[in-house]
Amino acid sequence: GAYGVFSVQPAQDAPHFAEGEVRLGVNVADAAHAAGVRHL
């Protein structure tokens, strides 16, 4: 039901060292696409 999505992920390097930045960003984009979001 969302019109738009703002997508940001923690970096996989310092200082966050979050694993799987690409996977998280892809997940958000895929969810936006599946929901028919009109602006990412």
PDB file of all heavy atoms in Angstrom:
ATOM      1  N   GLY A   1       0.781  -1.225   0.000  1.00  0.00           N
ATOM      2  CA  GLY A   1       0.000   0.000   0.000  1.00  0.00           C
ATOM      3  C   GLY A   1       0.816   1.279   0.000  1.00  0.00           C
ATOM      4  O   GLY A   1       0.244   2.375   0.005  1.00  0.00           O
ATOM      5  N   ALA A   2       2.141   1.164  -0.024  1.00  0.00           N
ATOM      6  CA  ALA A   2       2.990   2.363   0.008  1.00  0.00           C
ATOM      7  C   ALA A   2       3.091   2.984  -1.383  1.00  0.00           C
ATOM      8  O   ALA A   2       3.176   2.286  -2.392  1.00  0.00           O
ATOM      9  CB  ALA A   2       4.377   2.025   0.532  1.00  0.00           C
ATOM     10  N   TYR A   3       3.098   4.306  -1.413  1.00  0.00           N
ATOM     11  CA  TYR A   3       3.349   5.031  -2.657  1.00  0.00           C
ATOM     12  C   TYR A   3       4.842   5.004  -2.983  1.00  0.00           C
ATOM     13  O   TYR A   3       5.241   4.837  -4.127  1.00  0.00           O
ATOM     14  CB  TYR A   3       2.877   6.476  -2.526  1.00  0.00           C
ATOM     15  CG  TYR A   3       3.455   7.398  -3.581  1.00  0.00           C
ATOM     16  CD1 TYR A   3       2.879   7.461  -4.850  1.00  0.00           C
ATOM     17  CD2 TYR A   3       4.580   8.183  -3.314  1.00  0.00           C
ATOM     18  CE1 TYR A   3       3.417   8.288  -5.827  1.00  0.00           C
ATOM     19  CE2 TYR A   3       5.113   9.008  -4.287  1.00  0.00           C
ATOM     20  CZ  TYR A   3       4.534   9.049  -5.538  1.00  0.00           C
ATOM     21  OH  TYR A   3       5.068   9.857  -6.507  1.00  0.00           O
ATOM     22  N   GLY A   4       5.667   5.230  -1.955  1.00  0.00           N
ATOM     23  CA  GLY A   4       7.107   5.323  -2.175  1.00  0.00           C
ATOM     24  C   GLY A   4       7.893   4.582  -1.116  1.00  0.00           C
ATOM     25  O   GLY A   4       7.369   4.209  -0.060  1.00  0.00           O
ATOM     26  N   VAL A   5       9.164   4.360  -1.407  1.00  0.00           N
ATOM     27  CA  VAL A   5      10.093   3.726  -0.471  1.00  0.00           C
ATOM     28  C   VAL A   5      11.405   4.502  -0.491  1.00  0.00           C
ATOM     29  O   VAL A   5      11.929   4.810  -1.577  1.00  0.00           O
ATOM     30  CB  VAL A   5      10.361   2.248  -0.827  1.00  0.00           C
ATOM     31  CG1 VAL A   5      11.494   1.680   0.025  1.00  0.00           C
ATOM     32  CG2 VAL A   5       9.113   1.402  -0.646  1.00  0.00           C
ATOM     33  N   PHE A   6      11.912   4.813   0.698  1.00  0.00           N
ATOM     34  CA  PHE A   6      13.272   5.334   0.814  1.00  0.00           C
ATOM     35  C   PHE A   6      14.144   4.189   1.290  1.00  0.00           C
ATOM     36  O   PHE A   6      13.888   3.590   2.345  1.00  0.00           O
ATOM     37  CB  PHE A   6      13.346   6.491   1.811  1.00  0.00           C
ATOM     38  CG  PHE A   6      14.748   7.018   2.010  1.00  0.00           C
ATOM     39  CD1 PHE A   6      15.329   7.856   1.065  1.00  0.00           C
ATOM     40  CD2 PHE A   6      15.494   6.644   3.121  1.00  0.00           C
ATOM     41  CE1 PHE A   6      16.628   8.322   1.220  1.00  0.00           C
ATOM     42  CE2 PHE A   6      16.789   7.107   3.297  1.00  0.00           C
ATOM     43  CZ  PHE A   6      17.354   7.951   2.341  1.00  0.00           C
ATOM     44  N   SER A   7      15.174   3.880   0.534  1.00  0.00           N
ATOM     45  CA  SER A   7      16.022   2.717   0.800  1.00  0.00           C
ATOM     46  C   SER A   7      17.440   3.143   1.139  1.00  0.00           C
ATOM     47  O   SER A   7      18.094   3.845   0.371  1.00  0.00           O
ATOM     48  CB  SER A   7      16.043   1.806  -0.434  1.00  0.00           C
ATOM     49  OG  SER A   7      16.938   0.723  -0.251  1.00  0.00           O
ATOM     50  N   VAL A   8      17.901   2.723   2.310  1.00  0.00           N
ATOM     51  CA  VAL A   8      19.291   2.933   2.709  1.00  0.00           C
ATOM     52  C   VAL A   8      19.708   1.748   3.570  1.00  0.00           C
ATOM     53  O   VAL A   8      18.920   1.231   4.357  1.00  0.00           O
ATOM     54  CB  VAL A   8      19.469   4.260   3.472  1.00  0.00           C
ATOM     55  CG1 VAL A   8      18.712   4.273   4.798  1.00  0.00           C
ATOM     56  CG2 VAL A   8      20.948   4.572   3.694  1.00  0.00           C
ATOM     57  N   GLN A   9      20.936   1.300   3.382  1.00  0.00           N
ATOM     58  CA  GLN A   9      21.465   0.174   4.151  1.00  0.00           C
ATOM     59  C   GLN A   9      22.779   0.546   4.821  1.00  0.00           C
ATOM     60  O   GLN A   9      23.523   1.386   4.297  1.00  0.00           O
ATOM     61  CB  GLN A   9      21.709  -1.048   3.236  1.00  0.00           C
ATOM     62  CG  GLN A   9      20.455  -1.691   2.696  1.00  0.00           C
ATOM     63  CD  GLN A   9      19.813  -0.865   1.587  1.00  0.00           C
ATOM     64  OE1 GLN A   9      20.498  -0.376   0.684  1.00  0.00           O
ATOM     65  NE2 GLN A   9      18.504  -0.698   1.651  1.00  0.00           N
ATOM     66  N   PRO A  10      23.081  -0.086   5.962  1.00  0.00           N
ATOM     67  CA  PRO A  10      24.408   0.122   6.553  1.00  0.00           C
ATOM     68  C   PRO A  10      25.469  -0.502   5.663  1.00  0.00           C
ATOM     69  O   PRO A  10      25.241  -1.535   5.032  1.00  0.00           O
ATOM     70  CB  PRO A  10      24.317  -0.606   7.904  1.00  0.00           C
ATOM     71  CG  PRO A  10      23.237  -1.620   7.715  1.00  0.00           C
ATOM     72  CD  PRO A  10      22.258  -1.013   6.760  1.00  0.00           C
ATOM     73  N   ALA A  11      26.617   0.154   5.589  1.00  0.00           N
ATOM     74  CA  ALA A  11      27.714  -0.350   4.752  1.00  0.00           C
ATOM     75  C   ALA A  11      28.261  -1.639   5.322  1.00  0.00           C
ATOM     76  O   ALA A  11      28.234  -1.887   6.526  1.00  0.00           O
ATOM     77  CB  ALA A  11      28.824   0.690   4.649  1.00  0.00           C
ATOM     78  N   GLN A  12      28.805  -2.477   4.436  1.00  0.00           N
ATOM     79  CA  GLN A  12      29.359  -3.741   4.893  1.00  0.00           C
ATOM     80  C   GLN A  12      30.776  -3.568   5.454  1.00  0.00           C
ATOM     81  O   GLN A  12      31.351  -4.499   5.995  1.00  0.00           O
ATOM     82  CB  GLN A  12      29.376  -4.754   3.755  1.00  0.00           C
ATOM     83  CG  GLN A  12      30.253  -4.363   2.579  1.00  0.00           C
ATOM     84  CD  GLN A  12      30.042  -5.254   1.371  1.00  0.00           C
ATOM     85  OE1 GLN A  12      29.075  -6.010   1.302  1.00  0.00           O
ATOM     86  NE2 GLN A  12      30.939  -5.179   0.408  1.00  0.00           N
ATOM     87  N   ASP A  13      31.309  -2.357   5.344  1.00  0.00           N
ATOM     88  CA  ASP A  13      32.633  -2.085   5.877  1.00  0.00           C
ATOM     89  C   ASP A  13      32.539  -1.152   7.078  1.00  0.00           C
ATOM     90  O   ASP A  13      31.453  -0.781   7.516  1.00  0.00           O
ATOM     91  CB  ASP A  13      33.522  -1.470   4.792  1.00  0.00           C
ATOM     92  CG  ASP A  13      33.771  -2.457   3.666  1.00  0.00           C
ATOM     93  OD1 ASP A  13      34.291  -3.546   3.946  1.00  0.00           O
ATOM     94  OD2 ASP A  13      33.424  -2.140   2.522  1.00  0.00           O
ATOM     95  N   ALA A  14      33.684  -0.747   7.612  1.00  0.00           N
ATOM     96  CA  ALA A  14      33.734   0.126   8.778  1.00  0.00           C
ATOM     97  C   ALA A  14      32.950   1.398   8.512  1.00  0.00           C
ATOM     98  O   ALA A  14      32.936   1.889   7.386  1.00  0.00           O
ATOM     99  CB  ALA A  14      35.183   0.469   9.101  1.00  0.00           C
ATOM    100  N   PRO A  15      32.266   1.982   9.509  1.00  0.00           N
ATOM    101  CA  PRO A  15      32.263   1.514  10.891  1.00  0.00           C
ATOM    102  C   PRO A  15      31.147   0.534  11.219  1.00  0.00           C
ATOM    103  O   PRO A  15      31.013   0.108  12.352  1.00  0.00           O
ATOM    104  CB  PRO A  15      32.038   2.819  11.670  1.00  0.00           C
ATOM    105  CG  PRO A  15      31.154   3.606  10.772  1.00  0.00           C
ATOM    106  CD  PRO A  15      31.599   3.273   9.368  1.00  0.00           C
ATOM    107  N   HIS A  16      30.309   0.143  10.224  1.00  0.00           N
ATOM    108  CA  HIS A  16      29.147  -0.686  10.537  1.00  0.00           C
ATOM    109  C   HIS A  16      29.447  -2.187  10.469  1.00  0.00           C
ATOM    110  O   HIS A  16      28.938  -2.955  11.271  1.00  0.00           O
ATOM    111  CB  HIS A  16      28.001  -0.345   9.592  1.00  0.00           C
ATOM    112  CG  HIS A  16      27.614   1.095   9.647  1.00  0.00           C
ATOM    113  ND1 HIS A  16      26.967   1.640  10.716  1.00  0.00           N
ATOM    114  CD2 HIS A  16      27.795   2.113   8.771  1.00  0.00           C
ATOM    115  CE1 HIS A  16      26.760   2.921  10.507  1.00  0.00           C
ATOM    116  NE2 HIS A  16      27.255   3.235   9.331  1.00  0.00           N
ATOM    117  N   PHE A  17      30.229  -2.605   9.469  1.00  0.00           N
ATOM    118  CA  PHE A  17      30.545  -4.007   9.275  1.00  0.00           C
ATOM    119  C   PHE A  17      29.278  -4.867   9.214  1.00  0.00           C
ATOM    120  O   PHE A  17      29.206  -5.940   9.789  1.00  0.00           O
ATOM    121  CB  PHE A  17      31.491  -4.520  10.371  1.00  0.00           C
ATOM    122  CG  PHE A  17      32.856  -3.897  10.308  1.00  0.00           C
ATOM    123  CD1 PHE A  17      33.237  -2.944  11.220  1.00  0.00           C
ATOM    124  CD2 PHE A  17      33.752  -4.242   9.309  1.00  0.00           C
ATOM    125  CE1 PHE A  17      34.488  -2.352  11.160  1.00  0.00           C
ATOM    126  CE2 PHE A  17      35.012  -3.660   9.234  1.00  0.00           C
ATOM    127  CZ  PHE A  17      35.377  -2.707  10.165  1.00  0.00           C
ATOM    128  N   ALA A  18      28.248  -4.348   8.556  1.00  0.00           N
ATOM    129  CA  ALA A  18      27.011  -5.105   8.392  1.00  0.00           C
ATOM    130  C   ALA A  18      27.195  -6.116   7.270  1.00  0.00           C
ATOM    131  O   ALA A  18      27.695  -5.793   6.201  1.00  0.00           O
ATOM    132  CB  ALA A  18      25.854  -4.166   8.069  1.00  0.00           C
ATOM    133  N   GLU A  19      26.813  -7.340   7.516  1.00  0.00           N
ATOM    134  CA  GLU A  19      26.939  -8.371   6.503  1.00  0.00           C
ATOM    135  C   GLU A  19      25.815  -8.240   5.486  1.00  0.00           C
ATOM    136  O   GLU A  19      24.675  -7.940   5.824  1.00  0.00           O
ATOM    137  CB  GLU A  19      26.894  -9.760   7.152  1.00  0.00           C
ATOM    138  CG  GLU A  19      28.091 -10.069   8.040  1.00  0.00           C
ATOM    139  CD  GLU A  19      28.062 -11.485   8.550  1.00  0.00           C
ATOM    140  OE1 GLU A  19      27.158 -12.236   8.133  1.00  0.00           O
ATOM    141  OE2 GLU A  19      28.929 -11.838   9.362  1.00  0.00           O
ATOM    142  N   GLY A  20      26.169  -8.478   4.243  1.00  0.00           N
ATOM    143  CA  GLY A  20      25.145  -8.575   3.220  1.00  0.00           C
ATOM    144  C   GLY A  20      24.471  -7.282   2.830  1.00  0.00           C
ATOM    145  O   GLY A  20      23.257  -7.250   2.607  1.00  0.00           O
ATOM    146  N   GLU A  21      25.234  -6.185   2.711  1.00  0.00           N
ATOM    147  CA  GLU A  21      24.625  -4.919   2.299  1.00  0.00           C
ATOM    148  C   GLU A  21      23.876  -5.061   0.985  1.00  0.00           C
ATOM    149  O   GLU A  21      22.748  -4.566   0.848  1.00  0.00           O
ATOM    150  CB  GLU A  21      25.692  -3.829   2.173  1.00  0.00           C
ATOM    151  CG  GLU A  21      25.128  -2.493   1.705  1.00  0.00           C
ATOM    152  CD  GLU A  21      26.199  -1.454   1.399  1.00  0.00           C
ATOM    153  OE1 GLU A  21      27.399  -1.761   1.572  1.00  0.00           O
ATOM    154  OE2 GLU A  21      25.822  -0.345   0.984  1.00  0.00           O
ATOM    155  N   VAL A  22      24.479  -5.744   0.018  1.00  0.00           N
ATOM    156  CA  VAL A  22      23.831  -5.907  -1.284  1.00  0.00           C
ATOM    157  C   VAL A  22      22.535  -6.695  -1.134  1.00  0.00           C
ATOM    158  O   VAL A  22      21.494  -6.334  -1.704  1.00  0.00           O
ATOM    159  CB  VAL A  22      24.783  -6.588  -2.285  1.00  0.00           C
ATOM    160  CG1 VAL A  22      24.048  -6.921  -3.582  1.00  0.00           C
ATOM    161  CG2 VAL A  22      25.990  -5.695  -2.575  1.00  0.00           C
ATOM    162  N   ARG A  23      22.576  -7.762  -0.358  1.00  0.00           N
ATOM    163  CA  ARG A  23      21.372  -8.575  -0.158  1.00  0.00           C
ATOM    164  C   ARG A  23      20.248  -7.736   0.442  1.00  0.00           C
ATOM    165  O   ARG A  23      19.090  -7.835   0.025  1.00  0.00           O
ATOM    166  CB  ARG A  23      21.690  -9.765   0.750  1.00  0.00           C
ATOM    167  CG  ARG A  23      20.495 -10.672   1.041  1.00  0.00           C
ATOM    168  CD  ARG A  23      20.926 -11.882   1.852  1.00  0.00           C
ATOM    169  NE  ARG A  23      21.456 -11.493   3.145  1.00  0.00           N
ATOM    170  CZ  ARG A  23      20.708 -11.311   4.237  1.00  0.00           C
ATOM    171  NH1 ARG A  23      19.384 -11.459   4.167  1.00  0.00           N
ATOM    172  NH2 ARG A  23      21.259 -10.985   5.379  1.00  0.00           N
ATOM    173  N   LEU A  24      20.581  -6.885   1.416  1.00  0.00           N
ATOM    174  CA  LEU A  24      19.557  -6.053   2.052  1.00  0.00           C
ATOM    175  C   LEU A  24      18.977  -5.054   1.050  1.00  0.00           C
ATOM    176  O   LEU A  24      17.760  -4.850   0.985  1.00  0.00           O
ATOM    177  CB  LEU A  24      20.141  -5.312   3.253  1.00  0.00           C
ATOM    178  CG  LEU A  24      20.723  -6.164   4.383  1.00  0.00           C
ATOM    179  CD1 LEU A  24      21.199  -5.271   5.529  1.00  0.00           C
ATOM    180  CD2 LEU A  24      19.724  -7.193   4.878  1.00  0.00           C
ATOM    181  N   GLY A  25      19.847  -4.412   0.269  1.00  0.00           N
ATOM    182  CA  GLY A  25      19.382  -3.448  -0.715  1.00  0.00           C
ATOM    183  C   GLY A  25      18.541  -4.086  -1.802  1.00  0.00           C
ATOM    184  O   GLY A  25      17.546  -3.504  -2.263  1.00  0.00           O
ATOM    185  N   VAL A  26      18.946  -5.288  -2.220  1.00  0.00           N
ATOM    186  CA  VAL A  26      18.170  -6.030  -3.223  1.00  0.00           C
ATOM    187  C   VAL A  26      16.814  -6.407  -2.648  1.00  0.00           C
ATOM    188  O   VAL A  26      15.783  -6.314  -3.329  1.00  0.00           O
ATOM    189  CB  VAL A  26      18.956  -7.275  -3.683  1.00  0.00           C
ATOM    190  CG1 VAL A  26      18.052  -8.259  -4.426  1.00  0.00           C
ATOM    191  CG2 VAL A  26      20.117  -6.857  -4.578  1.00  0.00           C
ATOM    192  N   ASN A  27      16.784  -6.833  -1.384  1.00  0.00           N
ATOM    193  CA  ASN A  27      15.514  -7.186  -0.746  1.00  0.00           C
ATOM    194  C   ASN A  27      14.533  -6.016  -0.751  1.00  0.00           C
ATOM    195  O   ASN A  27      13.346  -6.174  -1.048  1.00  0.00           O
ATOM    196  CB  ASN A  27      15.743  -7.622   0.701  1.00  0.00           C
ATOM    197  CG  ASN A  27      16.145  -9.075   0.825  1.00  0.00           C
ATOM    198  OD1 ASN A  27      16.108  -9.828  -0.147  1.00  0.00           O
ATOM    199  ND2 ASN A  27      16.529  -9.481   2.021  1.00  0.00           N
ATOM    200  N   VAL A  28      15.034  -4.832  -0.397  1.00  0.00           N
ATOM    201  CA  VAL A  28      14.165  -3.648  -0.363  1.00  0.00           C
ATOM    202  C   VAL A  28      13.643  -3.341  -1.765  1.00  0.00           C
ATOM    203  O   VAL A  28      12.443  -3.079  -1.959  1.00  0.00           O
ATOM    204  CB  VAL A  28      14.896  -2.434   0.226  1.00  0.00           C
ATOM    205  CG1 VAL A  28      14.033  -1.177   0.115  1.00  0.00           C
ATOM    206  CG2 VAL A  28      15.273  -2.686   1.683  1.00  0.00           C
ATOM    207  N   ALA A  29      14.524  -3.377  -2.750  1.00  0.00           N
ATOM    208  CA  ALA A  29      14.099  -3.099  -4.126  1.00  0.00           C
ATOM    209  C   ALA A  29      13.085  -4.131  -4.604  1.00  0.00           C
ATOM    210  O   ALA A  29      12.076  -3.781  -5.239  1.00  0.00           O
ATOM    211  CB  ALA A  29      15.315  -3.078  -5.050  1.00  0.00           C
ATOM    212  N   ASP A  30      13.316  -5.398  -4.309  1.00  0.00           N
ATOM    213  CA  ASP A  30      12.393  -6.449  -4.730  1.00  0.00           C
ATOM    214  C   ASP A  30      11.032  -6.302  -4.057  1.00  0.00           C
ATOM    215  O   ASP A  30       9.988  -6.510  -4.686  1.00  0.00           O
ATOM    216  CB  ASP A  30      12.979  -7.829  -4.417  1.00  0.00           C
ATOM    217  CG  ASP A  30      14.121  -8.212  -5.347  1.00  0.00           C
ATOM    218  OD1 ASP A  30      14.297  -7.544  -6.384  1.00  0.00           O
ATOM    219  OD2 ASP A  30      14.834  -9.189  -5.027  1.00  0.00           O
ATOM    220  N   ALA A  31      11.037  -5.945  -2.767  1.00  0.00           N
ATOM    221  CA  ALA A  31       9.768  -5.750  -2.059  1.00  0.00           C
ATOM    222  C   ALA A  31       9.013  -4.555  -2.636  1.00  0.00           C
ATOM    223  O   ALA A  31       7.783  -4.597  -2.792  1.00  0.00           O
ATOM    224  CB  ALA A  31      10.026  -5.551  -0.567  1.00  0.00           C
ATOM    225  N   ALA A  32       9.735  -3.485  -2.964  1.00  0.00           N
ATOM    226  CA  ALA A  32       9.108  -2.314  -3.570  1.00  0.00           C
ATOM    227  C   ALA A  32       8.494  -2.674  -4.924  1.00  0.00           C
ATOM    228  O   ALA A  32       7.369  -2.263  -5.252  1.00  0.00           O
ATOM    229  CB  ALA A  32      10.125  -1.188  -3.731  1.00  0.00           C
ATOM    230  N   HIS A  33       9.229  -3.455  -5.700  1.00  0.00           N
ATOM    231  CA  HIS A  33       8.748  -3.877  -7.016  1.00  0.00           C
ATOM    232  C   HIS A  33       7.508  -4.747  -6.885  1.00  0.00           C
ATOM    233  O   HIS A  33       6.508  -4.550  -7.598  1.00  0.00           O
ATOM    234  CB  HIS A  33       9.861  -4.631  -7.741  1.00  0.00           C
ATOM    235  CG  HIS A  33       9.521  -5.024  -9.142  1.00  0.00           C
ATOM    236  ND1 HIS A  33       9.175  -6.304  -9.484  1.00  0.00           N
ATOM    237  CD2 HIS A  33       9.467  -4.299 -10.294  1.00  0.00           C
ATOM    238  CE1 HIS A  33       8.928  -6.359 -10.783  1.00  0.00           C
ATOM    239  NE2 HIS A  33       9.102  -5.158 -11.299  1.00  0.00           N
ATOM    240  N   ALA A  34       7.549  -5.706  -5.956  1.00  0.00           N
ATOM    241  CA  ALA A  34       6.419  -6.612  -5.768  1.00  0.00           C
ATOM    242  C   ALA A  34       5.172  -5.865  -5.304  1.00  0.00           C
ATOM    243  O   ALA A  34       4.044  -6.246  -5.642  1.00  0.00           O
ATOM    244  CB  ALA A  34       6.793  -7.695  -4.756  1.00  0.00           C
ATOM    245  N   ALA A  35       5.366  -4.787  -4.530  1.00  0.00           N
ATOM    246  CA  ALA A  35       4.240  -4.018  -4.009  1.00  0.00           C
ATOM    247  C   ALA A  35       3.718  -2.984  -5.001  1.00  0.00           C
ATOM    248  O   ALA A  35       2.728  -2.306  -4.713  1.00  0.00           O
ATOM    249  CB  ALA A  35       4.652  -3.327  -2.710  1.00  0.00           C
ATOM    250  N   GLY A  36       4.383  -2.850  -6.141  1.00  0.00           N
ATOM    251  CA  GLY A  36       3.954  -1.864  -7.123  1.00  0.00           C
ATOM    252  C   GLY A  36       4.196  -0.434  -6.683  1.00  0.00           C
ATOM    253  O   GLY A  36       3.456   0.484  -7.069  1.00  0.00           O
ATOM    254  N   VAL A  37       5.261  -0.238  -5.916  1.00  0.00           N
ATOM    255  CA  VAL A  37       5.596   1.108  -5.436  1.00  0.00           C
ATOM    256  C   VAL A  37       5.863   2.027  -6.628  1.00  0.00           C
ATOM    257  O   VAL A  37       6.520   1.633  -7.596  1.00  0.00           O
ATOM    258  CB  VAL A  37       6.815   1.024  -4.489  1.00  0.00           C
ATOM    259  CG1 VAL A  37       7.480   2.373  -4.319  1.00  0.00           C
ATOM    260  CG2 VAL A  37       6.397   0.467  -3.133  1.00  0.00           C
ATOM    261  N   ARG A  38       5.386   3.254  -6.530  1.00  0.00           N
ATOM    262  CA  ARG A  38       5.483   4.176  -7.671  1.00  0.00           C
ATOM    263  C   ARG A  38       6.750   5.027  -7.664  1.00  0.00           C
ATOM    264  O   ARG A  38       7.058   5.693  -8.663  1.00  0.00           O
ATOM    265  CB  ARG A  38       4.245   5.058  -7.696  1.00  0.00           C
ATOM    266  CG  ARG A  38       2.992   4.261  -8.053  1.00  0.00           C
ATOM    267  CD  ARG A  38       1.713   4.985  -7.697  1.00  0.00           C
ATOM    268  NE  ARG A  38       1.571   6.243  -8.412  1.00  0.00           N
ATOM    269  CZ  ARG A  38       0.588   7.102  -8.192  1.00  0.00           C
ATOM    270  NH1 ARG A  38      -0.327   6.845  -7.277  1.00  0.00           N
ATOM    271  NH2 ARG A  38       0.524   8.237  -8.875  1.00  0.00           N
ATOM    272  N   HIS A  39       7.499   5.040  -6.576  1.00  0.00           N
ATOM    273  CA  HIS A  39       8.738   5.831  -6.537  1.00  0.00           C
ATOM    274  C   HIS A  39       9.653   5.279  -5.438  1.00  0.00           C
ATOM    275  O   HIS A  39       9.290   5.264  -4.262  1.00  0.00           O
ATOM    276  CB  HIS A  39       8.417   7.300  -6.257  1.00  0.00           C
ATOM    277  CG  HIS A  39       9.551   8.238  -6.544  1.00  0.00           C
ATOM    278  ND1 HIS A  39       9.428   9.616  -6.457  1.00  0.00           N
ATOM    279  CD2 HIS A  39      10.844   8.017  -6.920  1.00  0.00           C
ATOM    280  CE1 HIS A  39      10.570  10.190  -6.767  1.00  0.00           C
ATOM    281  NE2 HIS A  39      11.454   9.230  -7.048  1.00  0.00           N
ATOM    282  N   LEU A  40      10.827   4.853  -5.841  1.00  0.00           N
ATOM    283  CA  LEU A  40      11.871   4.415  -4.907  1.00  0.00           C
ATOM    284  C   LEU A  40      12.972   5.456  -4.914  1.00  0.00           C
ATOM    285  O   LEU A  40      13.445   5.865  -5.988  1.00  0.00           O
ATOM    286  CB  LEU A  40      12.450   3.061  -5.332  1.00  0.00           C
ATOM    287  CG  LEU A  40      13.658   2.568  -4.534  1.00  0.00           C
ATOM    288  CD1 LEU A  40      13.217   1.994  -3.193  1.00  0.00           C
ATOM    289  CD2 LEU A  40      14.447   1.514  -5.309  1.00  0.00           C
TER     290      LEU A  40
END
